[in-house]
Protein backbone atom coordinates (compact mmCIF):
# COMPACT_ATOMS: atom_id res chain seq x y z
CA MET A 1 298.06 152.28 114.30
CA LYS A 2 295.46 154.32 112.41
CA ASP A 3 293.58 151.09 111.68
CA LEU A 4 293.38 150.06 115.35
CA ARG A 5 289.78 149.43 116.49
CA ILE A 6 288.16 148.22 119.70
CA ASP A 7 286.18 144.99 120.04
CA GLY A 8 282.58 146.19 119.90
CA GLU A 9 281.12 142.80 120.87
CA ARG A 10 283.32 142.62 123.97
CA LEU A 11 282.29 146.14 124.98
CA TRP A 12 278.62 145.23 124.60
CA ARG A 13 279.02 142.01 126.63
CA SER A 14 280.69 143.95 129.42
CA LEU A 15 277.87 146.49 129.47
CA MET A 16 275.25 143.74 129.66
CA ASP A 17 277.14 141.83 132.37
CA LEU A 18 277.38 144.97 134.51
CA ALA A 19 273.73 145.80 133.83
CA ALA A 20 272.72 142.45 135.34
CA ILE A 21 273.76 143.78 138.75
CA GLY A 22 270.70 145.66 139.96
CA ALA A 23 268.64 144.81 136.88
CA THR A 24 265.01 145.94 137.01
CA PRO A 25 261.93 144.23 135.51
CA LYS A 26 261.57 146.98 132.89
CA GLY A 27 265.08 146.44 131.56
CA GLY A 28 266.85 149.16 133.49
CA VAL A 29 269.23 149.22 136.44
CA LYS A 30 268.86 150.29 140.07
CA ARG A 31 272.34 150.39 141.59
CA LEU A 32 272.48 153.25 144.06
CA ALA A 33 275.79 154.62 145.29
CA LEU A 34 277.51 152.79 148.15
CA THR A 35 274.94 150.00 148.40
CA GLU A 36 275.68 146.30 148.27
CA LEU A 37 274.81 146.35 144.58
CA ASP A 38 277.31 149.18 144.02
CA LYS A 39 279.91 147.05 145.76
CA GLN A 40 279.11 144.14 143.45
CA GLY A 41 279.40 146.39 140.40
CA ARG A 42 282.69 147.84 141.60
CA ASP A 43 284.05 144.39 142.40
CA LEU A 44 283.17 143.13 138.92
CA VAL A 45 284.80 146.03 137.07
CA VAL A 46 287.87 145.94 139.31
CA SER A 47 288.20 142.20 138.65
CA TRP A 48 288.16 142.93 134.92
CA GLY A 49 290.82 145.58 135.46
CA ARG A 50 293.05 143.17 137.37
CA ALA A 51 292.59 140.55 134.66
CA ALA A 52 293.83 143.17 132.17
CA GLY A 53 296.93 143.74 134.31
CA LEU A 54 295.88 147.15 135.61
CA ALA A 55 297.14 148.45 138.96
CA ILE A 56 294.28 149.47 141.29
CA THR A 57 294.21 152.53 143.57
CA VAL A 58 291.26 153.70 145.70
CA ASP A 59 291.10 157.10 147.39
CA ARG A 60 289.33 158.15 150.60
CA ILE A 61 286.08 159.11 148.84
CA GLY A 62 286.01 155.75 147.04
CA ASN A 63 287.16 156.89 143.60
CA ILE A 64 288.85 153.99 141.79
CA PHE A 65 291.80 154.38 139.41
CA MET A 66 293.00 151.43 137.30
CA ARG A 67 296.37 152.11 135.66
CA ARG A 68 298.06 150.73 132.58
CA ALA A 69 301.77 151.54 132.77
CA GLY A 70 303.48 153.80 130.27
CA THR A 71 307.12 153.89 129.25
CA ASP A 72 307.55 157.10 131.27
CA PRO A 73 306.44 156.25 134.84
CA ASP A 74 306.80 159.90 135.89
CA ALA A 75 304.37 161.22 133.27
CA PRO A 76 300.91 162.07 134.62
CA PRO A 77 298.35 159.57 133.35
CA VAL A 78 295.80 160.16 130.62
CA ALA A 79 292.57 158.99 132.21
CA SER A 80 289.07 158.19 131.06
CA GLY A 81 286.00 157.01 132.89
CA SER A 82 282.70 157.97 134.46
CA HIS A 83 280.50 156.33 137.13
CA ILE A 84 278.61 153.09 137.70
CA ASP A 85 276.04 154.24 140.26
CA THR A 86 272.58 154.79 138.78
CA GLN A 87 269.30 156.53 139.33
CA PRO A 88 266.55 154.54 141.12
CA THR A 89 265.02 153.97 137.69
CA GLY A 90 268.23 154.18 135.70
CA GLY A 91 269.42 152.67 132.45
CA LYS A 92 272.27 150.44 131.30
CA PHE A 93 274.44 153.09 129.66
CA ASP A 94 274.50 156.35 131.64
CA GLY A 95 277.96 156.45 133.23
CA ASN A 96 278.54 152.73 132.77
CA TYR A 97 279.42 153.25 129.11
CA GLY A 98 282.17 155.73 129.98
CA VAL A 99 283.80 153.35 132.46
CA LEU A 100 283.62 150.27 130.25
CA ALA A 101 284.66 152.16 127.12
CA ALA A 102 287.81 153.20 128.98
CA LEU A 103 288.40 149.61 130.05
CA GLU A 104 287.88 148.42 126.47
CA VAL A 105 290.58 150.87 125.33
CA MET A 106 293.02 149.18 127.76
CA ARG A 107 292.04 145.70 126.57
CA THR A 108 292.42 146.71 122.93
CA LEU A 109 295.89 148.15 123.48
CA ASP A 110 296.96 144.99 125.27
CA ASP A 111 295.65 142.83 122.43
CA ALA A 112 297.60 144.91 119.92
CA GLY A 113 300.74 145.17 122.06
CA VAL A 114 300.65 148.96 121.94
CA LYS A 115 302.78 150.93 124.40
CA THR A 116 302.20 154.56 125.34
CA CYS A 117 304.58 157.11 126.80
CA ALA A 118 302.22 158.31 129.52
CA PRO A 119 300.32 155.81 131.66
CA LEU A 120 296.62 155.32 130.90
CA GLU A 121 293.92 155.01 133.55
CA VAL A 122 290.29 154.03 133.99
CA ALA A 123 288.55 156.26 136.55
CA ILE A 124 285.37 155.26 138.41
CA TRP A 125 283.96 158.25 140.28
CA THR A 126 281.84 157.85 143.43
CA ASN A 127 278.18 158.96 143.65
CA GLU A 128 277.91 160.92 140.43
CA GLU A 129 274.12 160.67 140.32
CA GLY A 130 273.41 162.06 143.78
CA SER A 131 270.25 159.96 144.00
CA ARG A 132 271.18 158.59 147.42
CA PHE A 133 273.59 161.20 148.75
CA VAL A 134 274.06 164.87 147.90
CA PRO A 135 275.98 166.66 146.53
CA VAL A 136 275.90 165.16 143.06
CA MET A 137 279.20 164.33 141.35
CA MET A 138 280.56 163.76 144.85
CA GLY A 139 283.71 161.77 144.09
CA SER A 140 284.98 164.01 141.31
CA GLY A 141 283.92 167.10 143.28
CA VAL A 142 286.01 166.12 146.30
CA PHE A 143 288.89 165.09 144.04
CA CYS A 144 288.91 168.49 142.34
CA GLY A 145 288.37 170.60 145.47
CA ALA A 146 284.79 171.71 144.79
CA PHE A 147 283.94 170.69 148.36
CA THR A 148 285.74 169.04 151.25
CA LEU A 149 286.05 165.38 152.10
CA GLU A 150 284.52 166.12 155.49
CA HIS A 151 281.47 167.68 153.85
CA ALA A 152 281.01 164.59 151.69
CA TYR A 153 281.55 162.21 154.61
CA ALA A 154 278.83 163.96 156.61
CA ALA A 155 276.16 163.51 153.92
CA ARG A 156 273.33 161.17 154.93
CA ASP A 157 270.72 159.25 152.98
CA ILE A 158 267.01 159.20 153.87
CA GLU A 159 267.70 156.47 156.44
CA GLY A 160 270.37 158.59 158.13
CA LYS A 161 273.31 156.49 156.91
CA ARG A 162 276.54 158.44 156.37
CA VAL A 163 278.79 158.35 153.33
CA ARG A 164 281.93 157.46 155.28
CA ASP A 165 280.25 154.56 157.04
CA GLU A 166 278.80 153.21 153.81
CA LEU A 167 282.16 153.45 152.03
CA GLU A 168 283.70 151.42 154.84
CA ALA A 169 280.82 148.92 154.76
CA ILE A 170 281.32 148.11 151.08
CA GLY A 171 285.10 148.01 151.35
CA TYR A 172 285.91 151.08 149.26
CA LEU A 173 287.17 153.52 151.86
CA GLY A 174 290.62 153.90 150.33
CA ASP A 175 293.86 155.37 151.64
CA GLU A 176 294.86 157.86 148.96
CA GLU A 177 294.09 161.51 149.62
CA PRO A 178 291.58 162.77 147.01
CA GLY A 179 293.23 165.14 144.57
CA LYS A 180 296.74 163.84 145.20
CA HIS A 181 296.34 161.44 142.29
CA PRO A 182 297.90 163.14 139.22
CA LEU A 183 295.95 163.65 136.01
CA GLY A 184 297.62 164.63 132.77
CA ALA A 185 294.35 164.73 130.84
CA TYR A 186 290.85 163.28 131.11
CA PHE A 187 288.35 162.11 128.50
CA GLU A 188 284.80 160.96 129.17
CA ALA A 189 282.66 159.01 126.72
CA HIS A 190 278.93 159.25 127.38
CA ILE A 191 275.53 158.80 125.84
CA GLU A 192 274.16 162.22 124.93
CA GLN A 193 271.10 162.01 127.22
CA GLY A 194 269.30 164.22 124.74
CA PRO A 195 267.82 163.97 121.22
CA VAL A 196 270.13 166.16 119.13
CA LEU A 197 272.53 163.57 117.65
CA GLU A 198 269.75 161.15 116.79
CA ASP A 199 267.60 163.90 115.27
CA GLU A 200 270.53 165.11 113.14
CA GLY A 201 271.63 161.62 112.10
CA LYS A 202 275.10 162.01 113.62
CA VAL A 203 277.14 159.30 115.31
CA ILE A 204 279.61 161.36 117.37
CA GLY A 205 279.08 164.53 119.33
CA VAL A 206 282.21 166.61 119.90
CA VAL A 207 281.55 168.38 123.22
CA PRO A 208 283.14 171.84 123.52
CA GLY A 209 281.58 172.49 126.92
CA VAL A 210 278.78 172.04 129.44
CA LEU A 211 276.02 174.50 130.26
CA GLY A 212 276.23 176.33 133.55
CA LEU A 213 273.19 176.29 135.76
CA SER A 214 271.60 178.54 138.33
CA TRP A 215 268.94 177.05 140.64
CA TYR A 216 266.47 179.02 142.75
CA ASP A 217 263.73 178.44 145.29
CA CYS A 218 260.90 180.91 144.81
CA GLU A 219 257.80 181.56 146.91
CA VAL A 220 254.83 183.81 146.16
CA ARG A 221 252.84 184.71 149.28
CA GLY A 222 249.24 185.88 148.98
CA MET A 223 246.21 185.06 151.13
CA GLU A 224 243.99 182.00 151.01
CA ALA A 225 240.25 182.75 150.86
CA HIS A 226 236.99 181.11 149.83
CA ALA A 227 236.77 180.64 146.05
CA GLY A 228 233.06 181.52 145.92
CA PRO A 229 232.39 184.64 147.99
CA THR A 230 235.70 186.44 147.21
CA PRO A 231 235.43 188.87 144.24
CA MET A 232 238.14 188.63 141.61
CA ALA A 233 239.28 192.23 142.00
CA ILE A 234 240.30 191.90 145.64
CA ARG A 235 241.86 188.47 145.60
CA LYS A 236 245.48 187.87 146.62
CA ASP A 237 245.89 184.77 144.48
CA ALA A 238 249.44 183.48 144.88
CA LEU A 239 249.06 180.94 142.09
CA GLN A 240 248.08 183.47 139.43
CA VAL A 241 251.11 185.61 140.25
CA ALA A 242 253.36 182.55 140.42
CA THR A 243 252.30 181.49 136.93
CA ARG A 244 253.39 184.88 135.60
CA VAL A 245 256.86 184.26 137.01
CA MET A 246 256.88 180.71 135.64
CA GLN A 247 256.03 181.93 132.14
CA GLU A 248 258.83 184.49 132.37
CA VAL A 249 261.33 181.71 133.17
CA VAL A 250 260.54 180.16 129.78
CA ALA A 251 260.45 183.55 128.03
CA ILE A 252 263.91 184.46 129.33
CA ALA A 253 265.35 181.18 128.04
CA ASN A 254 263.79 181.79 124.62
CA ARG A 255 265.47 185.20 124.46
CA TYR A 256 268.90 183.54 124.69
CA PRO A 257 269.10 180.91 121.91
CA PRO A 258 270.53 178.45 121.16
CA TYR A 259 271.69 177.42 124.63
CA GLY A 260 269.32 179.28 126.94
CA ARG A 261 267.28 176.95 129.14
CA GLY A 262 264.52 177.77 131.61
CA THR A 263 262.57 175.23 133.62
CA VAL A 264 260.11 175.10 136.51
CA GLY A 265 260.15 171.48 137.65
CA PHE A 266 258.76 171.60 141.19
CA VAL A 267 255.56 173.33 142.33
CA GLN A 268 253.89 173.20 145.75
CA THR A 269 250.59 175.05 146.25
CA PHE A 270 249.09 175.80 149.67
CA PRO A 271 246.53 174.83 150.83
CA ASN A 272 246.00 172.92 147.56
CA SER A 273 242.24 172.72 147.94
CA ARG A 274 239.69 172.86 145.14
CA ASN A 275 237.63 175.75 146.54
CA VAL A 276 240.33 177.80 148.26
CA ILE A 277 242.26 180.64 146.60
CA PRO A 278 245.94 179.66 146.92
CA GLY A 279 247.71 181.60 149.65
CA SER A 280 251.25 180.39 148.93
CA VAL A 281 253.08 178.82 146.01
CA LYS A 282 256.61 177.47 146.26
CA PHE A 283 258.43 176.46 143.09
CA SER A 284 261.85 175.85 141.61
CA ILE A 285 263.55 177.82 138.85
CA ASP A 286 266.33 176.33 136.72
CA LEU A 287 268.25 178.65 134.35
CA ARG A 288 271.10 177.44 132.12
CA ASN A 289 273.41 178.83 129.47
CA VAL A 290 276.77 178.28 127.88
CA ASN A 291 278.82 181.04 129.54
CA ASP A 292 278.83 183.15 132.68
CA ALA A 293 277.95 186.40 130.92
CA LEU A 294 274.75 185.04 129.39
CA LEU A 295 273.76 183.15 132.52
CA ASN A 296 274.25 186.27 134.63
CA GLN A 297 272.12 188.30 132.20
CA MET A 298 269.35 185.73 132.56
CA HIS A 299 269.72 185.94 136.33
CA ASP A 300 269.46 189.74 136.30
CA GLU A 301 266.37 189.65 134.06
CA MET A 302 264.72 187.13 136.37
CA LEU A 303 265.28 189.29 139.46
CA ALA A 304 264.12 192.45 137.66
CA PHE A 305 260.91 190.74 136.54
CA ILE A 306 260.21 189.50 140.05
CA ASP A 307 260.71 193.02 141.45
CA ARG A 308 258.24 194.44 138.92
CA THR A 309 255.72 191.68 139.49
CA GLN A 310 255.93 192.11 143.24
CA SER A 311 255.29 195.85 142.88
CA GLU A 312 252.42 195.43 140.40
CA SER A 313 250.64 192.61 142.23
CA GLY A 314 251.20 193.74 145.79
CA LEU A 315 252.12 190.19 146.75
CA SER A 316 255.39 189.23 148.37
CA ILE A 317 257.76 187.18 146.20
CA GLY A 318 260.83 185.64 147.78
CA ILE A 319 263.63 184.16 145.70
CA GLU A 320 266.85 182.50 146.81
CA ARG A 321 269.63 181.13 144.64
CA VAL A 322 270.34 177.70 146.11
CA SER A 323 272.91 176.35 143.66
CA TYR A 324 275.25 177.63 140.97
CA TYR A 325 277.52 175.66 138.67
CA ARG A 326 279.52 177.83 136.33
CA PRO A 327 279.64 176.88 132.65
CA CYS A 328 282.52 174.61 131.71
CA GLU A 329 284.58 175.01 128.55
CA PHE A 330 286.66 171.93 127.81
CA HIS A 331 290.33 172.23 126.93
CA PRO A 332 290.89 173.07 123.26
CA GLN A 333 293.59 170.43 122.89
CA CYS A 334 291.29 167.68 124.18
CA VAL A 335 288.38 168.91 122.07
CA ASP A 336 290.64 169.00 119.02
CA ALA A 337 291.94 165.50 119.76
CA VAL A 338 288.37 164.20 119.74
CA ARG A 339 287.63 166.13 116.56
CA ARG A 340 290.73 164.75 114.80
CA ALA A 341 289.98 161.18 115.87
CA THR A 342 286.39 161.48 114.67
CA GLY A 343 287.51 162.87 111.33
CA ALA A 344 290.15 160.20 110.83
CA LEU A 345 287.63 157.47 111.58
CA GLY A 346 285.07 158.98 109.22
CA TYR A 347 282.08 159.15 111.55
CA PRO A 348 279.27 161.69 110.95
CA THR A 349 279.75 164.33 113.63
CA MET A 350 278.62 167.65 115.06
CA ASP A 351 279.38 169.80 118.07
CA VAL A 352 277.01 169.29 121.01
CA VAL A 353 277.12 171.41 124.15
CA SER A 354 276.07 169.26 127.10
CA GLY A 355 273.03 170.35 129.06
CA ALA A 356 273.73 167.88 131.88
CA GLY A 357 276.52 167.82 134.42
CA HIS A 358 279.26 165.17 134.24
CA ASP A 359 282.38 164.30 136.22
CA ALA A 360 284.42 165.89 133.42
CA VAL A 361 283.09 169.27 134.56
CA TYR A 362 285.10 168.88 137.75
CA THR A 363 288.18 167.24 136.23
CA ALA A 364 288.39 170.24 133.88
CA ARG A 365 289.35 172.32 136.93
CA VAL A 366 292.56 170.36 137.46
CA ALA A 367 293.49 168.84 134.08
CA PRO A 368 292.78 169.29 130.37
CA SER A 369 289.48 167.49 129.76
CA GLY A 370 287.10 166.61 126.95
CA MET A 371 283.99 164.56 126.23
CA ILE A 372 282.64 162.32 123.49
CA PHE A 373 278.90 161.87 122.98
CA VAL A 374 277.05 159.09 121.18
CA PRO A 375 273.29 159.02 120.51
CA CYS A 376 270.76 157.41 122.80
CA LYS A 377 267.36 156.21 121.58
CA ASP A 378 264.77 159.02 121.51
CA GLY A 379 267.11 161.09 123.68
CA ILE A 380 265.86 159.26 126.78
CA SER A 381 268.04 158.82 129.86
CA HIS A 382 267.54 158.50 133.64
CA ASN A 383 264.88 156.00 132.66
CA GLU A 384 264.71 152.21 132.60
CA ILE A 385 264.04 152.24 128.85
CA GLU A 386 267.29 154.13 128.12
CA ASP A 387 268.87 152.51 125.08
CA ALA A 388 271.76 152.92 122.64
CA ARG A 389 272.92 151.15 119.48
CA SER A 390 275.91 148.86 119.81
CA ASP A 391 277.53 150.28 116.66
CA HIS A 392 277.25 153.82 118.05
CA LEU A 393 278.81 152.72 121.33
CA GLU A 394 281.61 151.04 119.40
CA ALA A 395 282.20 154.20 117.35
CA GLY A 396 282.44 156.38 120.44
CA CYS A 397 284.90 153.97 122.00
CA ASN A 398 287.05 154.02 118.85
CA VAL A 399 287.14 157.82 119.05
CA LEU A 400 288.11 157.55 122.72
CA LEU A 401 290.89 155.10 121.85
CA HIS A 402 292.53 157.39 119.33
CA SER A 403 291.99 160.54 121.40
CA MET A 404 293.77 158.95 124.36
CA LEU A 405 296.56 157.62 122.16
CA GLU A 406 297.20 161.08 120.75
CA ARG A 407 297.35 162.64 124.19
CA ALA A 408 299.42 159.88 125.82
CA GLY A 409 301.94 159.59 123.01
CA GLN A 410 302.13 156.22 121.26
CA VAL A 411 305.53 154.53 121.47
CA SER A 412 304.92 151.31 119.54
C-alpha cells in the first residue's frame, strides 16, 4: 500500500463546502463555537462521516468522535482531527483542514478496501479558538483533564450565555464522559500559521513540539501631571518606564534563539491625553520558548529587570503571571512516523516547532501525539485572507494517511 494516495480534489471540495457555512464577504469564515453556524458545520461533517460508515459518539463537552472499525475492536483507536470553530475573521483552513484531512483518510481507505488492526477515528474538538468562550482549546482541555467540565460549563460569552446551555441548544450535549474515550495515538494535520515552510520552500513540516508560553499583566504606576509646566527631571512618567520594560521583553527573547519569543500586544495608557504625563500604563507580556528550563530563565530575567527598573525609577511596577502553558514535546514514535511517511512520499521537509497552541498539545498528555504542518500563503492565519495551495493540502493528507496506517497496523 505504499502507493496509496488520497483524493486531493475531494478534500478540496469538502473544505470549500464547509467554508460556505459562515462565509464572509472577504473570503473567510465566521463560525463561532456553539452558534447555529457551528451546528450547521457539525451537522455537515457528521453527515459525511455517517455516509462513510463511521460510528458517531459525542461527549458531554461536545467533542465528536467518528470511528472506522478495526479488526481488533479492543485496540484503542488511532485518531486524527482538529476543530471547525473559527475566529470572528477566520479563514477556510485553520482547524477545518485537520478535521477534513482525517475524514479524507477514512474515505480513501474505504475506496481501497484497506483494513487496519486498530480502529481509526476523526476527532472534532469543541471551542478550540476561544473567541466566544474561554478557556481556549476547551474541548480537548476538558477531555485531557486540564480543567473540569464544570469550569467549562460555567464559561459565558459577552451576552452572558453559558457553554452548557449553548451545547444543549445546538444538539451537541453528548452523554459520554470526557476523557473516558480511549486514544491509542493522535495525529493532527494543520496549516503552519507562520511563514517558515513557505520561506524555505518546504512542503511538509515535521513538528517535534509546541512552544510553551507565559503570559503576564503588568502595570507601571507613576503620576499624571501637566505636560507643559512639569520639568523633565521631576516627572513620574509611567509610559517612559513602561517602554523600558517593553524593550526588555524583546531583548530577552533575542537572547534565547532560535525559539525565544517576546511580545507586548496590549497597551492601555491613563489618562491617554495629549498634554498629560501618563500616570499609569497597563500592558501584556507574552514570553515563549521550547522547554521549561529556557522559559523559566526568561521569566526570571523579566522579574529581575522589573525589580531593577522599579528601584532605579522610583515608580511602582506590578506584574502578575496570568497564564502558563508548559512546552509540549510530541511523542518520538509519532514524530518518527510522520518523518518516515514524509520521506517515503518524497516531499521536501523540515522540522518546525509550533509557536501556536493546538488540541494536540492536550492530547499529548494522555496519548502519543504528533503533528503535520503544511504551508499557508504568506504565513497568514486568523485572517479572512488565509490561504493554502491544494497540492500542499493533499501532500499533508497523504503524510497523515501513511502515519496513521503505520500506527494502527495495516491488515490488508
